[in-house]
Every structure is written in C-alpha cells, then in structure tokens.
C-alpha cells in the first residue's frame, strides 16, 4: 500500500467541500429562477382578473344613459364578493376635443363633444386599465 506524505493528507476533504459548494450554488441558482417563474405565473392570473374587472366596469358604464352618468358625477366603483382588493373604478368625463382624452390624435375630424371612459380594474396589487372615447 502506498503511503501519502503529510502534505497530501486531507486533500479529499477539500475537494469534497469545493464540489459540494459548487453543487449547492447551482441548486440555489436554479431554485431562485424557479421561484421567480412561479411568481410571474401567479401574477399573470392576477393580471387577467384585474383586466376583466376593468372590462366589467366599462360594460356597466356603457349601459348607463348620459343622465345617469351625470347623476353619479361620472364616477363608478364596485368590489367583487365584498373583497376590497378586487374590483373596478370608472371615470367618465366629457371633453370638447378628443385630444384632451389623450387617446385619439387631433385632426380635422376631431370636433364636437366627446365622452372619455377610463376604467381601472384591480386585483390584489395588480392594476389594469381600459380607455375608450366616443
């Protein structure tokens, strides 16, 4: 059997520690990537709910007549299932020019009275908005 010198004793321990450290660093890196992907996937679902909440608010306001909009001062809000973190807010205001609403460029056809509808849906910490001018 071959005898090792004193300078070679414990080398296997150092090599094992280095290899274990490298494997641990790779595993931690992969787990951080996976956690980020899981968070993004969850937020996509929340974003969809916020968008549909904004859509529900817009549908509600589009069903209202001008006199009903004026009665409510152009503001509507609602929460779903009594949850204050899930709902919508809608603002309706009139504008003499569609440029004030900010969605249509000013041109020769842009005259008269316009109604601007802005609906913001929210779910948890995610907000999505819809805006129309008519």
Protein backbone atom coordinates (compact mmCIF):
# COMPACT_ATOMS: atom_id res chain seq x y z
CA UNK A 1 0.00 0.00 0.00
CA UNK A 2 1.24 3.44 -0.96
CA UNK A 3 1.96 5.83 1.85
CA UNK A 4 0.94 9.51 1.45
CA UNK A 5 3.09 12.34 2.63
CA UNK A 6 1.86 14.74 5.28
CA UNK A 7 1.23 17.43 2.64
CA UNK A 8 -1.39 15.24 0.88
CA UNK A 9 -3.47 14.38 3.93
CA UNK A 10 -6.96 15.95 3.90
CA UNK A 11 -6.98 16.77 0.18
CA UNK A 12 -10.11 14.65 -0.33
CA UNK A 13 -11.90 16.74 2.29
CA UNK A 14 -11.05 19.98 0.47
CA UNK A 15 -12.09 18.57 -2.91
CA UNK A 16 -15.36 17.31 -1.40
CA UNK A 17 -16.08 20.74 0.11
CA UNK A 18 -15.39 22.51 -3.18
CA UNK A 19 -17.58 20.11 -5.20
CA UNK A 20 -20.36 20.33 -2.61
CA UNK A 21 -20.18 24.14 -2.67
CA UNK A 22 -20.43 24.20 -6.47
CA UNK A 23 -23.42 21.82 -6.47
CA UNK A 24 -25.11 23.90 -3.74
CA UNK A 25 -24.56 27.14 -5.69
CA UNK A 26 -26.07 25.60 -8.83
CA UNK A 27 -29.06 24.27 -6.88
CA UNK A 28 -29.66 27.68 -5.26
CA UNK A 29 -29.43 29.41 -8.64
CA UNK A 30 -31.97 27.04 -10.19
CA UNK A 31 -34.32 27.42 -7.22
CA UNK A 32 -34.18 31.25 -7.49
CA UNK A 33 -35.09 31.01 -11.17
CA UNK A 34 -38.00 28.67 -10.41
CA UNK A 35 -39.33 30.89 -7.63
CA UNK A 36 -39.25 33.88 -9.99
CA UNK A 37 -41.12 31.91 -12.66
CA UNK A 38 -43.76 30.79 -10.16
CA UNK A 39 -44.30 34.39 -9.03
CA UNK A 40 -44.65 35.55 -12.64
CA UNK A 41 -47.16 32.78 -13.38
CA UNK A 42 -49.26 33.78 -10.36
CA UNK A 43 -49.18 37.45 -11.41
CA UNK A 44 -50.37 36.56 -14.92
CA UNK A 45 -53.53 35.11 -13.38
CA UNK A 46 -53.94 38.18 -11.18
CA UNK A 47 -53.42 40.43 -14.21
CA UNK A 48 -56.17 38.62 -16.10
CA UNK A 49 -58.58 39.08 -13.19
CA UNK A 50 -57.71 42.79 -13.00
CA UNK A 51 -58.29 43.21 -16.74
CA UNK A 52 -61.69 41.53 -16.58
CA UNK A 53 -62.63 43.68 -13.59
CA UNK A 54 -61.83 46.76 -15.70
CA UNK A 55 -63.90 45.28 -18.51
CA UNK A 56 -66.83 44.72 -16.15
CA UNK A 57 -66.67 48.36 -15.04
CA UNK A 58 -66.60 49.55 -18.63
CA UNK A 59 -69.60 47.36 -19.52
CA UNK A 60 -71.54 48.76 -16.57
CA UNK A 61 -70.90 52.36 -17.57
CA UNK A 62 -71.60 51.79 -21.26
CA UNK A 63 -75.07 50.55 -20.27
CA UNK A 64 -75.78 53.86 -18.49
CA UNK A 65 -77.51 56.78 -20.15
CA UNK A 66 -75.93 60.25 -20.16
CA UNK A 67 -78.37 61.45 -17.48
CA UNK A 68 -77.42 58.51 -15.22
CA UNK A 69 -73.73 59.30 -15.74
CA UNK A 70 -74.34 62.93 -14.76
CA UNK A 71 -76.30 61.80 -11.69
CA UNK A 72 -73.28 59.81 -10.49
CA UNK A 73 -70.88 62.67 -11.34
CA UNK A 74 -69.15 60.35 -13.79
CA UNK A 75 -67.67 58.05 -11.16
CA UNK A 76 -68.48 54.40 -10.50
CA UNK A 77 -66.77 51.85 -8.34
CA UNK A 78 -67.50 48.37 -7.12
CA UNK A 79 -65.77 45.49 -5.41
CA UNK A 80 -66.47 41.86 -6.11
CA UNK A 81 -67.56 39.41 -3.43
CA UNK A 82 -67.13 42.12 -0.78
CA UNK A 83 -63.34 41.98 -1.30
CA UNK A 84 -61.79 45.49 -1.30
CA UNK A 85 -58.75 44.11 -3.18
CA UNK A 86 -60.85 43.06 -6.21
CA UNK A 87 -63.00 45.44 -8.20
CA UNK A 88 -63.05 48.43 -10.51
CA UNK A 89 -63.23 52.20 -10.66
CA UNK A 90 -64.58 54.03 -13.70
CA UNK A 91 -64.35 57.72 -14.53
CA UNK A 92 -66.48 59.28 -17.27
CA UNK A 93 -65.92 62.87 -18.31
CA UNK A 94 -66.81 64.97 -21.29
CA UNK A 95 -64.33 66.78 -23.44
CA UNK A 96 -64.79 69.33 -26.23
CA UNK A 97 -61.81 67.80 -28.02
CA UNK A 98 -60.78 64.17 -28.16
CA UNK A 99 -57.15 65.26 -27.71
CA UNK A 100 -57.92 66.02 -24.06
CA UNK A 101 -58.82 62.38 -23.51
CA UNK A 102 -55.36 61.54 -24.77
CA UNK A 103 -56.22 58.55 -26.92
CA UNK A 104 -57.04 59.99 -30.35
CA UNK A 105 -54.70 62.34 -32.23
CA UNK A 106 -56.04 65.76 -33.10
CA UNK A 107 -57.18 66.08 -36.69
CA UNK A 108 -59.89 67.80 -38.73
CA UNK A 109 -62.50 65.16 -37.77
CA UNK A 110 -61.88 65.72 -34.07
CA UNK A 111 -64.57 68.26 -33.26
CA UNK A 112 -67.68 68.23 -31.14
CA UNK A 113 -68.42 66.75 -27.74
CA UNK A 114 -66.70 63.55 -26.65
CA UNK A 115 -67.15 61.28 -23.67
CA UNK A 116 -63.98 59.75 -22.26
CA UNK A 117 -64.34 56.49 -20.31
CA UNK A 118 -61.50 55.24 -18.16
CA UNK A 119 -61.94 52.01 -16.28
CA UNK A 120 -59.31 50.70 -13.86
CA UNK A 121 -59.63 47.12 -12.67
CA UNK A 122 -57.64 45.90 -9.73
CA UNK A 123 -56.91 42.55 -8.13
CA UNK A 124 -54.56 42.36 -5.17
CA UNK A 125 -51.59 44.57 -6.18
CA UNK A 126 -52.20 44.41 -9.95
CA UNK A 127 -53.96 47.24 -11.86
CA UNK A 128 -55.15 47.12 -15.48
CA UNK A 129 -56.99 49.87 -17.34
CA UNK A 130 -59.22 50.29 -20.36
CA UNK A 131 -59.92 53.63 -22.00
CA UNK A 132 -62.37 54.47 -24.76
CA UNK A 133 -63.58 57.69 -26.36
CA UNK A 134 -66.93 58.09 -28.08
